[in-house]
Amino acid sequence: MKQRLSTVTCPMTAHVSARKRTPSPLPAELRYGSTAPYAVRLSLGPSTGTPVTWVFARELLAEGLQRSAGPGDVQVIPWQCGTPHSIRIVLNNANGTALVELAAAEVAAFLRQTFTLVPPGTESDHLDLDGAITALTGRSR
């Protein structure tokens, strides 16, 4: 796991399966940055080519380590049957559903690093609202 001043990344191997297919190992990376303090990014893909990236709430990932979470397009479910224990992330979109299995210990270590970078409850302190408004309106400061 690498941590830069404002970013935490965690490369790992995911086991990904789609409808009734055998899970396949795939390179994956969890990424968190203080400039988007509420979100984590999960990138999945081959070592060459463009990965597929999903963005979802850090809080959803943290809750999913303990109990099923997420009623929408992303669901996180603790899974005690894997070796080592894992979490399952269910990703839904118009093209179908994918099941991503990640080692729970690696996800927990990644989350601890994100909480060190931006403690829970302080996310809004890291937002640049003036910059966002400027970008949306096209005006300079």
Protein backbone atom coordinates (compact mmCIF):
# COMPACT_ATOMS: atom_id res chain seq x y z
CA MET A 1 0.00 0.00 0.00
CA LYS A 2 1.34 3.41 -0.97
CA GLN A 3 0.37 6.67 0.66
CA ARG A 4 1.23 10.04 -0.77
CA LEU A 5 0.48 13.30 0.93
CA SER A 6 -3.13 13.45 -0.27
CA THR A 7 -3.78 10.00 -1.78
CA VAL A 8 -3.94 6.42 -0.55
CA THR A 9 -3.76 3.54 -3.04
CA CYS A 10 -3.98 -0.18 -2.51
CA PRO A 11 -3.18 -2.49 -5.43
CA MET A 12 -4.58 -6.00 -5.01
CA THR A 13 -6.05 -8.93 -6.85
CA ALA A 14 -9.81 -9.12 -7.20
CA HIS A 15 -11.79 -12.21 -8.11
CA VAL A 16 -14.49 -11.09 -10.51
CA SER A 17 -17.42 -13.05 -11.83
CA ALA A 18 -20.42 -12.26 -13.94
CA ARG A 19 -23.65 -14.21 -14.26
CA LYS A 20 -22.95 -17.92 -13.67
CA ARG A 21 -19.29 -17.70 -14.66
CA THR A 22 -16.29 -18.91 -12.70
CA PRO A 23 -14.52 -16.08 -10.85
CA SER A 24 -11.39 -14.81 -12.61
CA PRO A 25 -8.47 -13.05 -10.91
CA LEU A 26 -8.04 -9.50 -12.11
CA PRO A 27 -5.70 -6.69 -11.08
CA ALA A 28 -7.53 -4.15 -8.94
CA GLU A 29 -6.74 -0.94 -7.12
CA LEU A 30 -8.54 0.96 -4.38
CA ARG A 31 -7.78 4.70 -4.42
CA TYR A 32 -8.76 7.50 -2.07
CA GLY A 33 -7.86 11.17 -2.27
CA SER A 34 -8.45 14.04 0.11
CA THR A 35 -9.71 16.19 -2.78
CA ALA A 36 -12.77 13.90 -3.05
CA PRO A 37 -13.06 13.01 0.63
CA TYR A 38 -16.35 11.13 0.53
CA ALA A 39 -15.46 8.73 -2.29
CA VAL A 40 -13.26 5.74 -3.01
CA ARG A 41 -12.41 4.47 -6.48
CA LEU A 42 -12.21 0.81 -7.37
CA SER A 43 -10.40 0.19 -10.66
CA LEU A 44 -10.54 -3.23 -12.27
CA GLY A 45 -8.76 -4.28 -15.39
CA PRO A 46 -5.99 -6.00 -17.17
CA SER A 47 -2.41 -4.89 -16.64
CA THR A 48 -2.57 -3.44 -20.15
CA GLY A 49 -5.47 -1.40 -21.39
CA THR A 50 -7.94 0.89 -19.72
CA PRO A 51 -9.37 -0.24 -16.38
CA VAL A 52 -13.02 0.07 -15.47
CA THR A 53 -13.46 2.38 -12.48
CA TRP A 54 -16.34 2.53 -10.05
CA VAL A 55 -16.70 5.42 -7.60
CA PHE A 56 -18.69 4.98 -4.41
CA ALA A 57 -18.87 6.19 -0.82
CA ARG A 58 -16.00 5.44 1.55
CA GLU A 59 -18.61 5.02 4.28
CA LEU A 60 -20.32 2.29 2.21
CA LEU A 61 -17.06 0.35 1.93
CA ALA A 62 -16.39 0.70 5.67
CA GLU A 63 -19.90 -0.39 6.64
CA GLY A 64 -19.68 -3.33 4.22
CA LEU A 65 -16.81 -4.81 6.21
CA GLN A 66 -19.25 -5.35 9.11
CA ARG A 67 -22.66 -5.93 7.49
CA SER A 68 -24.41 -5.77 4.13
CA ALA A 69 -24.61 -2.19 2.91
CA GLY A 70 -25.78 -0.30 -0.14
CA PRO A 71 -29.27 -0.58 -1.60
CA GLY A 72 -28.25 0.93 -4.98
CA ASP A 73 -25.88 0.16 -7.85
CA VAL A 74 -23.08 -0.77 -5.44
CA GLN A 75 -23.58 -3.22 -2.59
CA VAL A 76 -20.85 -4.35 -0.18
CA ILE A 77 -21.26 -7.60 1.71
CA PRO A 78 -18.92 -9.24 4.24
CA TRP A 79 -18.13 -12.80 3.19
CA GLN A 80 -16.80 -15.28 5.73
CA CYS A 81 -16.50 -18.24 3.36
CA GLY A 82 -13.45 -17.02 1.49
CA THR A 83 -9.90 -17.77 2.52
CA PRO A 84 -8.83 -15.29 3.76
CA HIS A 85 -12.11 -13.63 4.74
CA SER A 86 -13.27 -11.36 1.99
CA ILE A 87 -15.84 -8.81 1.07
CA ARG A 88 -18.04 -8.97 -1.96
CA ILE A 89 -18.86 -5.88 -3.93
CA VAL A 90 -21.86 -6.25 -6.22
CA LEU A 91 -21.77 -3.77 -9.12
CA ASN A 92 -24.95 -3.21 -11.14
CA ASN A 93 -25.42 -1.17 -14.30
CA ALA A 94 -27.42 -1.31 -17.53
CA ASN A 95 -24.97 -3.88 -18.94
CA GLY A 96 -25.43 -6.35 -16.11
CA THR A 97 -24.05 -7.31 -12.72
CA ALA A 98 -20.53 -8.17 -11.63
CA LEU A 99 -19.44 -9.70 -8.34
CA VAL A 100 -16.04 -8.55 -7.09
CA GLU A 101 -14.38 -10.35 -4.20
CA LEU A 102 -11.55 -8.60 -2.30
CA ALA A 103 -9.52 -9.67 0.74
CA ALA A 104 -11.13 -8.06 3.79
CA ALA A 105 -7.80 -7.52 5.57
CA GLU A 106 -6.44 -5.49 2.62
CA VAL A 107 -9.61 -3.41 2.43
CA ALA A 108 -9.52 -2.78 6.19
CA ALA A 109 -5.86 -1.67 6.03
CA PHE A 110 -6.69 0.63 3.10
CA LEU A 111 -9.58 2.18 5.05
CA ARG A 112 -7.41 2.75 8.13
CA GLN A 113 -5.01 4.73 5.94
CA THR A 114 -7.87 6.80 4.49
CA PHE A 115 -9.17 7.54 7.99
CA THR A 116 -5.69 8.73 8.98
CA LEU A 117 -5.60 11.03 5.96
CA VAL A 118 -9.17 12.32 6.43
CA PRO A 119 -10.81 11.29 9.72
CA PRO A 120 -14.51 10.39 9.51
CA GLY A 121 -16.68 13.44 10.07
CA THR A 122 -14.06 15.89 8.74
CA GLU A 123 -14.65 15.27 5.02
CA SER A 124 -16.32 18.64 4.48
CA ASP A 125 -13.20 20.39 5.78
CA HIS A 126 -11.35 19.07 2.72
CA LEU A 127 -13.79 20.30 0.07
CA ASP A 128 -12.94 23.31 -2.07
CA LEU A 129 -16.47 24.65 -2.54
CA ASP A 130 -15.28 27.96 -3.97
CA GLY A 131 -13.24 26.09 -6.58
CA ALA A 132 -16.19 23.84 -7.44
CA ILE A 133 -18.53 26.81 -7.87
CA THR A 134 -15.97 28.57 -10.03
CA ALA A 135 -15.59 25.47 -12.20
CA LEU A 136 -19.36 25.06 -12.57
CA THR A 137 -20.03 28.71 -13.41
CA GLY A 138 -16.96 29.25 -15.57
CA ARG A 139 -16.03 32.36 -13.64
CA SER A 140 -12.60 33.14 -12.32
CA ARG A 141 -12.08 33.84 -8.66
